[in-house]
PDB file of N, CA and C in Angstrom:
ATOM      1  N   MET A   1      24.499   0.376  10.365  1.00  0.00           N
ATOM      2  CA  MET A   1      23.992   1.762   9.291  1.00  0.00           C
ATOM      3  C   MET A   1      24.867   2.650   9.762  1.00  0.00           C
ATOM      4  N   SER A   2      25.481   3.512   9.273  1.00  0.00           N
ATOM      5  CA  SER A   2      26.467   4.422   9.168  1.00  0.00           C
ATOM      6  C   SER A   2      25.893   5.770   8.939  1.00  0.00           C
ATOM      7  N   PHE A   3      26.154   6.903   9.563  1.00  0.00           N
ATOM      8  CA  PHE A   3      25.659   8.507   9.570  1.00  0.00           C
ATOM      9  C   PHE A   3      25.198   8.665   7.528  1.00  0.00           C
ATOM     10  N   SER A   4      26.323   8.023   6.690  1.00  0.00           N
ATOM     11  CA  SER A   4      25.806   8.576   5.458  1.00  0.00           C
ATOM     12  C   SER A   4      24.776   7.829   4.541  1.00  0.00           C
ATOM     13  N   GLN A   5      24.103   6.734   5.362  1.00  0.00           N
ATOM     14  CA  GLN A   5      22.996   5.787   5.244  1.00  0.00           C
ATOM     15  C   GLN A   5      22.393   6.531   5.492  1.00  0.00           C
ATOM     16  N   LEU A   6      22.152   6.861   6.796  1.00  0.00           N
ATOM     17  CA  LEU A   6      21.016   7.499   6.607  1.00  0.00           C
ATOM     18  C   LEU A   6      20.524   9.315   6.060  1.00  0.00           C
ATOM     19  N   ALA A   7      20.912   9.941   5.439  1.00  0.00           N
ATOM     20  CA  ALA A   7      20.766  10.543   4.635  1.00  0.00           C
ATOM     21  C   ALA A   7      19.991  10.189   3.818  1.00  0.00           C
ATOM     22  N   GLY A   8      19.444   8.785   2.815  1.00  0.00           N
ATOM     23  CA  GLY A   8      18.768   8.419   1.852  1.00  0.00           C
ATOM     24  C   GLY A   8      17.786   8.485   2.542  1.00  0.00           C
ATOM     25  N   ILE A   9      17.608   7.953   4.284  1.00  0.00           N
ATOM     26  CA  ILE A   9      15.966   7.373   4.387  1.00  0.00           C
ATOM     27  C   ILE A   9      14.925   8.717   3.520  1.00  0.00           C
ATOM     28  N   ALA A  10      14.900   9.529   3.774  1.00  0.00           N
ATOM     29  CA  ALA A  10      14.319  10.523   3.378  1.00  0.00           C
ATOM     30  C   ALA A  10      13.452  10.584   2.216  1.00  0.00           C
ATOM     31  N   ASP A  11      14.479  10.195   0.892  1.00  0.00           N
ATOM     32  CA  ASP A  11      14.030   9.419   0.175  1.00  0.00           C
ATOM     33  C   ASP A  11      13.673   8.121  -1.151  1.00  0.00           C
ATOM     34  N   ARG A  12      14.190   7.242  -0.161  1.00  0.00           N
ATOM     35  CA  ARG A  12      13.764   5.794  -0.548  1.00  0.00           C
ATOM     36  C   ARG A  12      12.150   5.948   0.247  1.00  0.00           C
ATOM     37  N   TYR A  13      11.742   6.354   1.299  1.00  0.00           N
ATOM     38  CA  TYR A  13      10.065   5.985   2.137  1.00  0.00           C
ATOM     39  C   TYR A  13       9.958   6.577   2.510  1.00  0.00           C
ATOM     40  N   PRO A  14       8.178   7.149   2.380  1.00  0.00           N
ATOM     41  CA  PRO A  14       6.922   7.501   2.248  1.00  0.00           C
ATOM     42  C   PRO A  14       7.685   8.608   3.449  1.00  0.00           C
ATOM     43  N   ALA A  15       6.913   9.834   2.827  1.00  0.00           N
ATOM     44  CA  ALA A  15       7.646  10.961   3.859  1.00  0.00           C
ATOM     45  C   ALA A  15       6.659  10.770   5.612  1.00  0.00           C
ATOM     46  N   ARG A  16       5.581  10.357   5.236  1.00  0.00           N
ATOM     47  CA  ARG A  16       4.936  10.241   6.706  1.00  0.00           C
ATOM     48  C   ARG A  16       5.565   8.977   7.653  1.00  0.00           C
ATOM     49  N   ARG A  17       5.737   8.196   6.846  1.00  0.00           N
ATOM     50  CA  ARG A  17       5.998   6.857   7.478  1.00  0.00           C
ATOM     51  C   ARG A  17       7.693   7.203   7.987  1.00  0.00           C
ATOM     52  N   VAL A  18       8.566   7.832   7.290  1.00  0.00           N
ATOM     53  CA  VAL A  18       9.994   8.649   8.061  1.00  0.00           C
ATOM     54  C   VAL A  18       9.803   9.430   9.203  1.00  0.00           C
ATOM     55  N   LEU A  19       8.752  10.490   8.574  1.00  0.00           N
ATOM     56  CA  LEU A  19       8.184  11.423  10.443  1.00  0.00           C
ATOM     57  C   LEU A  19       7.977  11.041  11.946  1.00  0.00           C
ATOM     58  N   VAL A  20       6.741  10.006  11.351  1.00  0.00           N
ATOM     59  CA  VAL A  20       6.150   9.504  12.211  1.00  0.00           C
ATOM     60  C   VAL A  20       6.923   8.511  12.502  1.00  0.00           C
ATOM     61  N   CYS A  21       8.490   7.122  11.855  1.00  0.00           N
ATOM     62  CA  CYS A  21       8.957   6.982  12.742  1.00  0.00           C
ATOM     63  C   CYS A  21       9.989   7.736  13.567  1.00  0.00           C
ATOM     64  N   CYS A  22      10.466   8.555  13.104  1.00  0.00           N
ATOM     65  CA  CYS A  22      11.636   9.163  13.880  1.00  0.00           C
ATOM     66  C   CYS A  22      10.962  10.019  14.501  1.00  0.00           C
ATOM     67  N   ASP A  23       9.818  10.203  14.812  1.00  0.00           N
ATOM     68  CA  ASP A  23       9.172  11.119  16.386  1.00  0.00           C
ATOM     69  C   ASP A  23       9.275   9.771  17.492  1.00  0.00           C
ATOM     70  N   LEU A  24       8.561   7.898  16.489  1.00  0.00           N
ATOM     71  CA  LEU A  24       7.939   7.301  17.936  1.00  0.00           C
ATOM     72  C   LEU A  24       9.986   7.285  18.173  1.00  0.00           C
ATOM     73  N   LEU A  25      11.137   7.334  17.608  1.00  0.00           N
ATOM     74  CA  LEU A  25      11.969   6.350  17.562  1.00  0.00           C
ATOM     75  C   LEU A  25      13.061   7.306  18.826  1.00  0.00           C
ATOM     76  N   CYS A  26      12.301   9.134  18.960  1.00  0.00           N
ATOM     77  CA  CYS A  26      12.770  10.301  19.470  1.00  0.00           C
ATOM     78  C   CYS A  26      12.403   9.999  20.895  1.00  0.00           C
ATOM     79  N   ALA A  27      11.123   9.779  21.118  1.00  0.00           N
ATOM     80  CA  ALA A  27       9.983   9.552  21.613  1.00  0.00           C
ATOM     81  C   ALA A  27      11.122   8.229  23.360  1.00  0.00           C
ATOM     82  N   ALA A  28      10.818   7.084  22.313  1.00  0.00           N
ATOM     83  CA  ALA A  28      11.140   5.793  22.720  1.00  0.00           C
ATOM     84  C   ALA A  28      12.629   6.644  23.663  1.00  0.00           C
ATOM     85  N   ALA A  29      13.538   7.032  22.850  1.00  0.00           N
ATOM     86  CA  ALA A  29      14.910   7.307  23.358  1.00  0.00           C
ATOM     87  C   ALA A  29      14.800   8.378  24.988  1.00  0.00           C
ATOM     88  N   ALA A  30      13.765   9.343  24.307  1.00  0.00           N
ATOM     89  CA  ALA A  30      13.568  10.217  26.001  1.00  0.00           C
ATOM     90  C   ALA A  30      12.908   9.458  26.810  1.00  0.00           C
ATOM     91  N   ALA A  31      12.183   8.364  26.716  1.00  0.00           N
ATOM     92  CA  ALA A  31      10.913   7.105  27.549  1.00  0.00           C
ATOM     93  C   ALA A  31      11.907   6.546  28.377  1.00  0.00           C
ATOM     94  N   ALA A  32      13.309   6.510  27.360  1.00  0.00           N
ATOM     95  CA  ALA A  32      14.061   5.613  28.133  1.00  0.00           C
ATOM     96  C   ALA A  32      15.291   6.125  29.361  1.00  0.00           C
ATOM     97  N   MET A  33      15.508   7.004  28.803  1.00  0.00           N
ATOM     98  CA  MET A  33      15.995   8.511  29.580  1.00  0.00           C
ATOM     99  C   MET A  33      15.823   8.212  31.269  1.00  0.00           C
ATOM    100  N   VAL A  34      14.414   8.686  30.886  1.00  0.00           N
ATOM    101  CA  VAL A  34      13.551   8.970  32.596  1.00  0.00           C
ATOM    102  C   VAL A  34      14.172   8.081  33.635  1.00  0.00           C
ATOM    103  N   LEU A  35      13.876   5.946  32.833  1.00  0.00           N
ATOM    104  CA  LEU A  35      13.914   5.642  33.957  1.00  0.00           C
ATOM    105  C   LEU A  35      15.551   5.296  35.033  1.00  0.00           C
ATOM    106  N   PRO A  36      15.223   4.864  36.225  1.00  0.00           N
ATOM    107  CA  PRO A  36      15.824   5.034  37.368  1.00  0.00           C
ATOM    108  C   PRO A  36      16.742   4.390  36.692  1.00  0.00           C
ATOM    109  N   GLY A  37      17.947   4.882  37.604  1.00  0.00           N
ATOM    110  CA  GLY A  37      18.997   3.768  36.989  1.00  0.00           C
ATOM    111  C   GLY A  37      19.974   4.207  36.281  1.00  0.00           C
ATOM    112  N   THR A  38      19.630   4.643  35.513  1.00  0.00           N
ATOM    113  CA  THR A  38      19.390   4.745  33.668  1.00  0.00           C
ATOM    114  C   THR A  38      21.332   5.175  34.451  1.00  0.00           C
ATOM    115  N   HIS A  39      22.214   4.565  34.129  1.00  0.00           N
ATOM    116  CA  HIS A  39      23.713   5.099  33.693  1.00  0.00           C
ATOM    117  C   HIS A  39      24.364   6.285  32.568  1.00  0.00           C
ATOM    118  N   VAL A  40      25.432   7.161  32.973  1.00  0.00           N
ATOM    119  CA  VAL A  40      25.613   8.044  32.462  1.00  0.00           C
ATOM    120  C   VAL A  40      25.839   8.200  31.066  1.00  0.00           C
ATOM    121  N   GLY A  41      26.482   6.828  30.499  1.00  0.00           N
ATOM    122  CA  GLY A  41      26.697   6.582  29.427  1.00  0.00           C
ATOM    123  C   GLY A  41      25.770   6.079  28.839  1.00  0.00           C
ATOM    124  N   VAL A  42      24.893   5.448  29.052  1.00  0.00           N
ATOM    125  CA  VAL A  42      23.552   5.161  28.428  1.00  0.00           C
ATOM    126  C   VAL A  42      22.404   6.193  28.322  1.00  0.00           C
ATOM    127  N   LEU A  43      22.423   7.471  28.757  1.00  0.00           N
ATOM    128  CA  LEU A  43      21.948   8.175  28.850  1.00  0.00           C
ATOM    129  C   LEU A  43      22.580   9.116  27.388  1.00  0.00           C
ATOM    130  N   LEU A  44      23.355   9.495  27.644  1.00  0.00           N
ATOM    131  CA  LEU A  44      24.657  10.327  26.574  1.00  0.00           C
ATOM    132  C   LEU A  44      24.638   9.061  24.707  1.00  0.00           C
ATOM    133  N   ALA A  45      24.471   7.705  25.506  1.00  0.00           N
ATOM    134  CA  ALA A  45      24.259   6.990  24.031  1.00  0.00           C
ATOM    135  C   ALA A  45      22.636   7.530  23.831  1.00  0.00           C
ATOM    136  N   LEU A  46      21.769   7.677  24.269  1.00  0.00           N
ATOM    137  CA  LEU A  46      20.277   8.596  23.851  1.00  0.00           C
ATOM    138  C   LEU A  46      20.031   9.382  23.470  1.00  0.00           C
ATOM    139  N   ARG A  47      21.371  10.361  23.692  1.00  0.00           N
ATOM    140  CA  ARG A  47      21.275  11.843  23.877  1.00  0.00           C
ATOM    141  C   ARG A  47      21.684  12.184  22.029  1.00  0.00           C
ATOM    142  N   CYS A  48      22.555  10.843  21.926  1.00  0.00           N
ATOM    143  CA  CYS A  48      23.188  11.072  20.334  1.00  0.00           C
ATOM    144  C   CYS A  48      22.895   9.899  19.684  1.00  0.00           C
ATOM    145  N   ALA A  49      21.619   8.490  20.039  1.00  0.00           N
ATOM    146  CA  ALA A  49      20.551   9.086  19.306  1.00  0.00           C
ATOM    147  C   ALA A  49      19.550  10.086  18.499  1.00  0.00           C
ATOM    148  N   ILE A  50      19.382  10.482  19.292  1.00  0.00           N
ATOM    149  CA  ILE A  50      17.997  11.986  19.516  1.00  0.00           C
ATOM    150  C   ILE A  50      18.513  12.553  18.135  1.00  0.00           C
ATOM    151  N   ALA A  51      20.141  13.130  18.464  1.00  0.00           N
ATOM    152  CA  ALA A  51      20.419  13.553  17.518  1.00  0.00           C
ATOM    153  C   ALA A  51      21.190  13.211  16.128  1.00  0.00           C
ATOM    154  N   ALA A  52      21.217  11.928  15.897  1.00  0.00           N
ATOM    155  CA  ALA A  52      21.356  11.465  14.732  1.00  0.00           C
ATOM    156  C   ALA A  52      20.228  11.029  13.607  1.00  0.00           C
ATOM    157  N   ILE A  53      18.791  11.185  14.160  1.00  0.00           N
ATOM    158  CA  ILE A  53      17.962  10.358  14.021  1.00  0.00           C
ATOM    159  C   ILE A  53      16.884  12.021  13.712  1.00  0.00           C
ATOM    160  N   ALA A  54      17.905  14.125  13.876  1.00  0.00           N
ATOM    161  CA  ALA A  54      17.056  14.504  13.956  1.00  0.00           C
ATOM    162  C   ALA A  54      16.824  15.023  12.825  1.00  0.00           C
ATOM    163  N   PRO A  55      18.467  14.835  11.976  1.00  0.00           N
ATOM    164  CA  PRO A  55      18.690  15.855  10.771  1.00  0.00           C
ATOM    165  C   PRO A  55      17.728  14.720   9.260  1.00  0.00           C
ATOM    166  N   VAL A  56      17.685  13.553  10.093  1.00  0.00           N
ATOM    167  CA  VAL A  56      16.766  13.195   8.925  1.00  0.00           C
ATOM    168  C   VAL A  56      15.041  13.430   8.921  1.00  0.00           C
ATOM    169  N   PHE A  57      14.406  13.425  10.073  1.00  0.00           N
ATOM    170  CA  PHE A  57      13.416  14.625  10.163  1.00  0.00           C
ATOM    171  C   PHE A  57      13.727  15.522  10.013  1.00  0.00           C
ATOM    172  N   ALA A  58      14.044  16.233  10.079  1.00  0.00           N
ATOM    173  CA  ALA A  58      14.313  17.831   9.595  1.00  0.00           C
ATOM    174  C   ALA A  58      14.806  17.981   7.623  1.00  0.00           C
ATOM    175  N   GLY A  59      15.391  16.648   7.508  1.00  0.00           N
ATOM    176  CA  GLY A  59      15.193  16.964   5.756  1.00  0.00           C
ATOM    177  C   GLY A  59      14.119  15.978   5.106  1.00  0.00           C
ATOM    178  N   THR A  60      12.968  15.413   6.335  1.00  0.00           N
ATOM    179  CA  THR A  60      11.876  15.138   5.199  1.00  0.00           C
ATOM    180  C   THR A  60      10.855  15.790   5.710  1.00  0.00           C
ATOM    181  N   ARG A  61      11.131  16.758   6.673  1.00  0.00           N
ATOM    182  CA  ARG A  61       9.584  17.709   6.629  1.00  0.00           C
ATOM    183  C   ARG A  61      10.492  18.855   5.556  1.00  0.00           C
ATOM    184  N   ALA A  62      11.280  19.634   5.684  1.00  0.00           N
ATOM    185  CA  ALA A  62      12.140  20.570   4.569  1.00  0.00           C
ATOM    186  C   ALA A  62      11.714  19.436   3.238  1.00  0.00           C
ATOM    187  N   ALA A  63      11.698  18.662   2.932  1.00  0.00           N
ATOM    188  CA  ALA A  63      11.216  18.116   1.738  1.00  0.00           C
ATOM    189  C   ALA A  63       9.794  17.880   1.487  1.00  0.00           C
ATOM    190  N   THR A  64       8.841  17.642   2.251  1.00  0.00           N
ATOM    191  CA  THR A  64       7.503  17.313   2.339  1.00  0.00           C
ATOM    192  C   THR A  64       6.699  19.189   1.929  1.00  0.00           C
ATOM    193  N   LEU A  65       7.508  20.406   3.315  1.00  0.00           N
ATOM    194  CA  LEU A  65       7.206  21.700   2.866  1.00  0.00           C
ATOM    195  C   LEU A  65       7.427  21.917   1.355  1.00  0.00           C
ATOM    196  N   SER A  66       8.139  21.495   0.970  1.00  0.00           N
ATOM    197  CA  SER A  66       7.904  21.556  -0.271  1.00  0.00           C
ATOM    198  C   SER A  66       7.478  20.844  -1.674  1.00  0.00           C
ATOM    199  N   ASP A  67       6.968  20.021  -1.621  1.00  0.00           N
ATOM    200  CA  ASP A  67       6.101  19.347  -2.225  1.00  0.00           C
ATOM    201  C   ASP A  67       4.363  20.012  -1.420  1.00  0.00           C
ATOM    202  N   ILE A  68       4.491  20.406  -0.539  1.00  0.00           N
ATOM    203  CA  ILE A  68       2.795  20.546  -0.243  1.00  0.00           C
ATOM    204  C   ILE A  68       2.841  22.294  -0.891  1.00  0.00           C
ATOM    205  N   LEU A  69       3.588  23.141  -0.279  1.00  0.00           N
ATOM    206  CA  LEU A  69       3.603  24.331  -0.732  1.00  0.00           C
ATOM    207  C   LEU A  69       3.954  24.743  -2.390  1.00  0.00           C
ATOM    208  N   GLY A  70       4.946  23.700  -2.755  1.00  0.00           N
ATOM    209  CA  GLY A  70       5.412  24.592  -4.258  1.00  0.00           C
ATOM    210  C   GLY A  70       6.685  24.972  -3.963  1.00  0.00           C
ATOM    211  N   GLU A  71       7.265  25.555  -4.800  1.00  0.00           N
ATOM    212  CA  GLU A  71       8.744  26.813  -4.914  1.00  0.00           C
ATOM    213  C   GLU A  71       7.916  27.913  -5.175  1.00  0.00           C
ATOM    214  N   GLY A  72       8.741  28.934  -4.311  1.00  0.00           N
ATOM    215  CA  GLY A  72       8.850  30.174  -4.635  1.00  0.00           C
ATOM    216  C   GLY A  72       8.062  31.078  -3.478  1.00  0.00           C
ATOM    217  N   ASP A  73       7.185  32.228  -3.428  1.00  0.00           N
ATOM    218  CA  ASP A  73       6.964  32.720  -2.113  1.00  0.00           C
ATOM    219  C   ASP A  73       6.059  31.953  -1.081  1.00  0.00           C
ATOM    220  N   LEU A  74       4.946  31.100  -1.699  1.00  0.00           N
ATOM    221  CA  LEU A  74       4.350  30.823  -0.666  1.00  0.00           C
ATOM    222  C   LEU A  74       5.594  29.652   0.003  1.00  0.00           C
ATOM    223  N   PHE A  75       6.295  28.881  -0.997  1.00  0.00           N
ATOM    224  CA  PHE A  75       7.170  28.139   0.006  1.00  0.00           C
ATOM    225  C   PHE A  75       8.410  29.119   1.483  1.00  0.00           C
ATOM    226  N   VAL A  76       8.871  29.306   0.753  1.00  0.00           N
ATOM    227  CA  VAL A  76       9.845  30.960   1.506  1.00  0.00           C
ATOM    228  C   VAL A  76       8.907  31.086   3.236  1.00  0.00           C
ATOM    229  N   LEU A  77       7.190  31.785   2.749  1.00  0.00           N
ATOM    230  CA  LEU A  77       6.712  32.242   3.754  1.00  0.00           C
ATOM    231  C   LEU A  77       6.434  30.971   4.690  1.00  0.00           C
ATOM    232  N   GLY A  78       6.034  30.001   4.719  1.00  0.00           N
ATOM    233  CA  GLY A  78       5.978  28.424   4.860  1.00  0.00           C
ATOM    234  C   GLY A  78       6.689  28.109   5.674  1.00  0.00           C
ATOM    235  N   ARG A  79       8.197  28.152   5.078  1.00  0.00           N
ATOM    236  CA  ARG A  79       9.603  28.146   6.152  1.00  0.00           C
ATOM    237  C   ARG A  79       9.872  28.736   6.994  1.00  0.00           C
ATOM    238  N   SER A  80       9.706  30.272   6.679  1.00  0.00           N
ATOM    239  CA  SER A  80       9.821  31.223   7.748  1.00  0.00           C
ATOM    240  C   SER A  80       8.756  30.967   8.890  1.00  0.00           C
ATOM    241  N   LEU A  81       7.734  30.434   8.819  1.00  0.00           N
ATOM    242  CA  LEU A  81       6.519  30.459   9.393  1.00  0.00           C
ATOM    243  C   LEU A  81       7.455  29.188  10.380  1.00  0.00           C
ATOM    244  N   LEU A  82       7.289  28.293   9.847  1.00  0.00           N
ATOM    245  CA  LEU A  82       7.409  26.958  10.335  1.00  0.00           C
ATOM    246  C   LEU A  82       8.549  26.901  11.312  1.00  0.00           C
ATOM    247  N   ARG A  83       9.695  28.081  10.771  1.00  0.00           N
ATOM    248  CA  ARG A  83      11.238  28.000  11.745  1.00  0.00           C
ATOM    249  C   ARG A  83      10.238  29.249  13.188  1.00  0.00           C
ATOM    250  N   ILE A  84       9.836  30.030  13.091  1.00  0.00           N
ATOM    251  CA  ILE A  84       9.996  31.054  13.644  1.00  0.00           C
ATOM    252  C   ILE A  84       8.488  30.010  14.815  1.00  0.00           C
ATOM    253  N   VAL A  85       7.470  29.324  15.062  1.00  0.00           N
ATOM    254  CA  VAL A  85       7.464  28.365  15.060  1.00  0.00           C
ATOM    255  C   VAL A  85       7.497  27.262  16.873  1.00  0.00           C
ATOM    256  N   GLY A  86       8.807  26.913  15.537  1.00  0.00           N
ATOM    257  CA  GLY A  86      10.377  26.185  16.154  1.00  0.00           C
ATOM    258  C   GLY A  86      10.930  27.058  17.096  1.00  0.00           C
ATOM    259  N   GLN A  87      11.522  27.569  17.049  1.00  0.00           N
ATOM    260  CA  GLN A  87      12.164  28.788  17.900  1.00  0.00           C
ATOM    261  C   GLN A  87      11.371  29.062  19.117  1.00  0.00           C
ATOM    262  N   SER A  88      10.018  29.831  18.732  1.00  0.00           N
ATOM    263  CA  SER A  88       9.042  30.193  19.816  1.00  0.00           C
ATOM    264  C   SER A  88       9.339  28.561  20.955  1.00  0.00           C
ATOM    265  N   ALA A  89       8.679  27.786  20.645  1.00  0.00           N
ATOM    266  CA  ALA A  89       8.691  26.265  20.759  1.00  0.00           C
ATOM    267  C   ALA A  89       9.728  26.138  22.046  1.00  0.00           C
ATOM    268  N   LEU A  90      11.292  25.991  20.979  1.00  0.00           N
ATOM    269  CA  LEU A  90      12.176  25.916  21.437  1.00  0.00           C
ATOM    270  C   LEU A  90      12.237  27.660  23.666  1.00  0.00           C
ATOM    271  N   ILE A  91      12.270  28.186  23.290  1.00  0.00           N
ATOM    272  CA  ILE A  91      12.008  29.387  24.260  1.00  0.00           C
ATOM    273  C   ILE A  91      11.220  29.217  25.300  1.00  0.00           C
ATOM    274  N   ALA A  92      10.363  28.941  24.659  1.00  0.00           N
ATOM    275  CA  ALA A  92       8.936  28.445  25.525  1.00  0.00           C
ATOM    276  C   ALA A  92       9.850  27.500  26.600  1.00  0.00           C
ATOM    277  N   GLY A  93      10.002  26.155  26.053  1.00  0.00           N
ATOM    278  CA  GLY A  93      10.806  25.097  26.543  1.00  0.00           C
ATOM    279  C   GLY A  93      11.621  25.091  27.372  1.00  0.00           C
ATOM    280  N   PHE A  94      12.263  26.326  27.276  1.00  0.00           N
ATOM    281  CA  PHE A  94      13.620  26.489  27.966  1.00  0.00           C
ATOM    282  C   PHE A  94      12.660  27.388  29.320  1.00  0.00           C
ATOM    283  N   GLY A  95      11.862  28.137  28.734  1.00  0.00           N
ATOM    284  CA  GLY A  95      11.723  28.492  30.042  1.00  0.00           C
ATOM    285  C   GLY A  95      10.494  27.496  31.135  1.00  0.00           C
ATOM    286  N   VAL A  96       9.991  26.692  30.666  1.00  0.00           N
ATOM    287  CA  VAL A  96       9.113  25.706  31.701  1.00  0.00           C
ATOM    288  C   VAL A  96      10.069  25.139  32.012  1.00  0.00           C
ATOM    289  N   GLY A  97      10.906  24.625  31.695  1.00  0.00           N
ATOM    290  CA  GLY A  97      12.065  23.881  31.888  1.00  0.00           C
ATOM    291  C   GLY A  97      12.500  23.581  33.482  1.00  0.00           C
ATOM    292  N   GLY A  98      12.998  25.142  33.058  1.00  0.00           N
ATOM    293  CA  GLY A  98      13.654  26.036  34.266  1.00  0.00           C
ATOM    294  C   GLY A  98      12.390  26.163  35.332  1.00  0.00           C
ATOM    295  N   VAL A  99      11.290  26.085  34.864  1.00  0.00           N
ATOM    296  CA  VAL A  99      10.600  26.795  36.481  1.00  0.00           C
ATOM    297  C   VAL A  99      10.787  24.800  36.792  1.00  0.00           C
ATOM    298  N   LEU A 100      10.239  23.705  35.976  1.00  0.00           N
ATOM    299  CA  LEU A 100       9.890  22.605  36.534  1.00  0.00           C
ATOM    300  C   LEU A 100      11.668  22.294  37.427  1.00  0.00           C
ATOM    301  N   LEU A 101      12.564  22.682  37.274  1.00  0.00           N
ATOM    302  CA  LEU A 101      14.005  22.133  37.638  1.00  0.00           C
ATOM    303  C   LEU A 101      13.613  22.827  39.032  1.00  0.00           C
ATOM    304  N   THR A 102      12.897  24.069  38.977  1.00  0.00           N
ATOM    305  CA  THR A 102      13.478  24.582  40.690  1.00  0.00           C
ATOM    306  C   THR A 102      12.215  23.744  41.735  1.00  0.00           C
ATOM    307  N   VAL A 103      11.118  23.305  40.545  1.00  0.00           N
ATOM    308  CA  VAL A 103      10.447  22.480  41.692  1.00  0.00           C
ATOM    309  C   VAL A 103      10.971  21.016  41.648  1.00  0.00           C
ATOM    310  N   LEU A 104      10.792  20.549  41.048  1.00  0.00           N
ATOM    311  CA  LEU A 104      11.247  18.811  41.537  1.00  0.00           C
ATOM    312  C   LEU A 104      12.826  18.359  40.662  1.00  0.00           C
ATOM    313  N   SER A 105      13.154  17.690  40.602  1.00  0.00           N
ATOM    314  CA  SER A 105      14.299  16.830  40.078  1.00  0.00           C
ATOM    315  C   SER A 105      14.014  16.448  38.550  1.00  0.00           C
ATOM    316  N   PRO A 106      15.785  16.285  37.855  1.00  0.00           N
ATOM    317  CA  PRO A 106      15.809  16.455  36.996  1.00  0.00           C
ATOM    318  C   PRO A 106      15.374  15.195  36.031  1.00  0.00           C
ATOM    319  N   ARG A 107      14.757  14.022  36.803  1.00  0.00           N
ATOM    320  CA  ARG A 107      14.213  13.062  36.269  1.00  0.00           C
ATOM    321  C   ARG A 107      12.482  12.745  36.519  1.00  0.00           C
ATOM    322  N   ALA A 108      12.278  13.553  37.755  1.00  0.00           N
ATOM    323  CA  ALA A 108      11.172  13.770  37.751  1.00  0.00           C
ATOM    324  C   ALA A 108      10.535  14.903  36.079  1.00  0.00           C
ATOM    325  N   ALA A 109      11.257  16.143  36.282  1.00  0.00           N
ATOM    326  CA  ALA A 109      10.940  17.158  35.487  1.00  0.00           C
ATOM    327  C   ALA A 109      11.182  16.196  33.805  1.00  0.00           C
ATOM    328  N   LEU A 110      11.441  15.985  33.444  1.00  0.00           N
ATOM    329  CA  LEU A 110      12.590  14.863  32.847  1.00  0.00           C
ATOM    330  C   LEU A 110      10.649  14.263  32.367  1.00  0.00           C
ATOM    331  N   ALA A 111      10.401  13.604  33.243  1.00  0.00           N
ATOM    332  CA  ALA A 111       8.861  12.605  33.268  1.00  0.00           C
ATOM    333  C   ALA A 111       7.733  13.454  33.613  1.00  0.00           C
ATOM    334  N   SER A 112       7.580  14.453  33.655  1.00  0.00           N
ATOM    335  CA  SER A 112       6.586  15.139  34.191  1.00  0.00           C
ATOM    336  C   SER A 112       5.487  15.288  32.758  1.00  0.00           C
ATOM    337  N   PRO A 113       4.653  15.268  32.666  1.00  0.00           N
ATOM    338  CA  PRO A 113       3.286  15.215  31.874  1.00  0.00           C
ATOM    339  C   PRO A 113       3.434  16.374  31.733  1.00  0.00           C
ATOM    340  N   ARG A 114       3.742  17.939  32.483  1.00  0.00           N
ATOM    341  CA  ARG A 114       2.885  18.689  31.907  1.00  0.00           C
ATOM    342  C   ARG A 114       3.697  19.653  30.762  1.00  0.00           C
TER     343      ARG A 114
END
């Protein structure tokens, strides 16, 4: 399957199924990154897989948001709120990740349940 074929997945399948499958695939790839002795090439391939799945998830989420909120002011407000929450989580994640890396090894920090 090429990257151009991934674009139509959000339109062909139910949104909830696409969102759940994208999250499960990303979680499986992240879990595989934690395995001891994983070669750097495999780590890069897994990261590329996560990066390839992310646009499918984002497109499906955007389409679902417009279905739920409709068009107009409510959609703009919902999209802005979603962006604020996402960016805040990203900043908080960087902070927590940095703190974890001062205490744990990178592999242990990635596998940490905190």
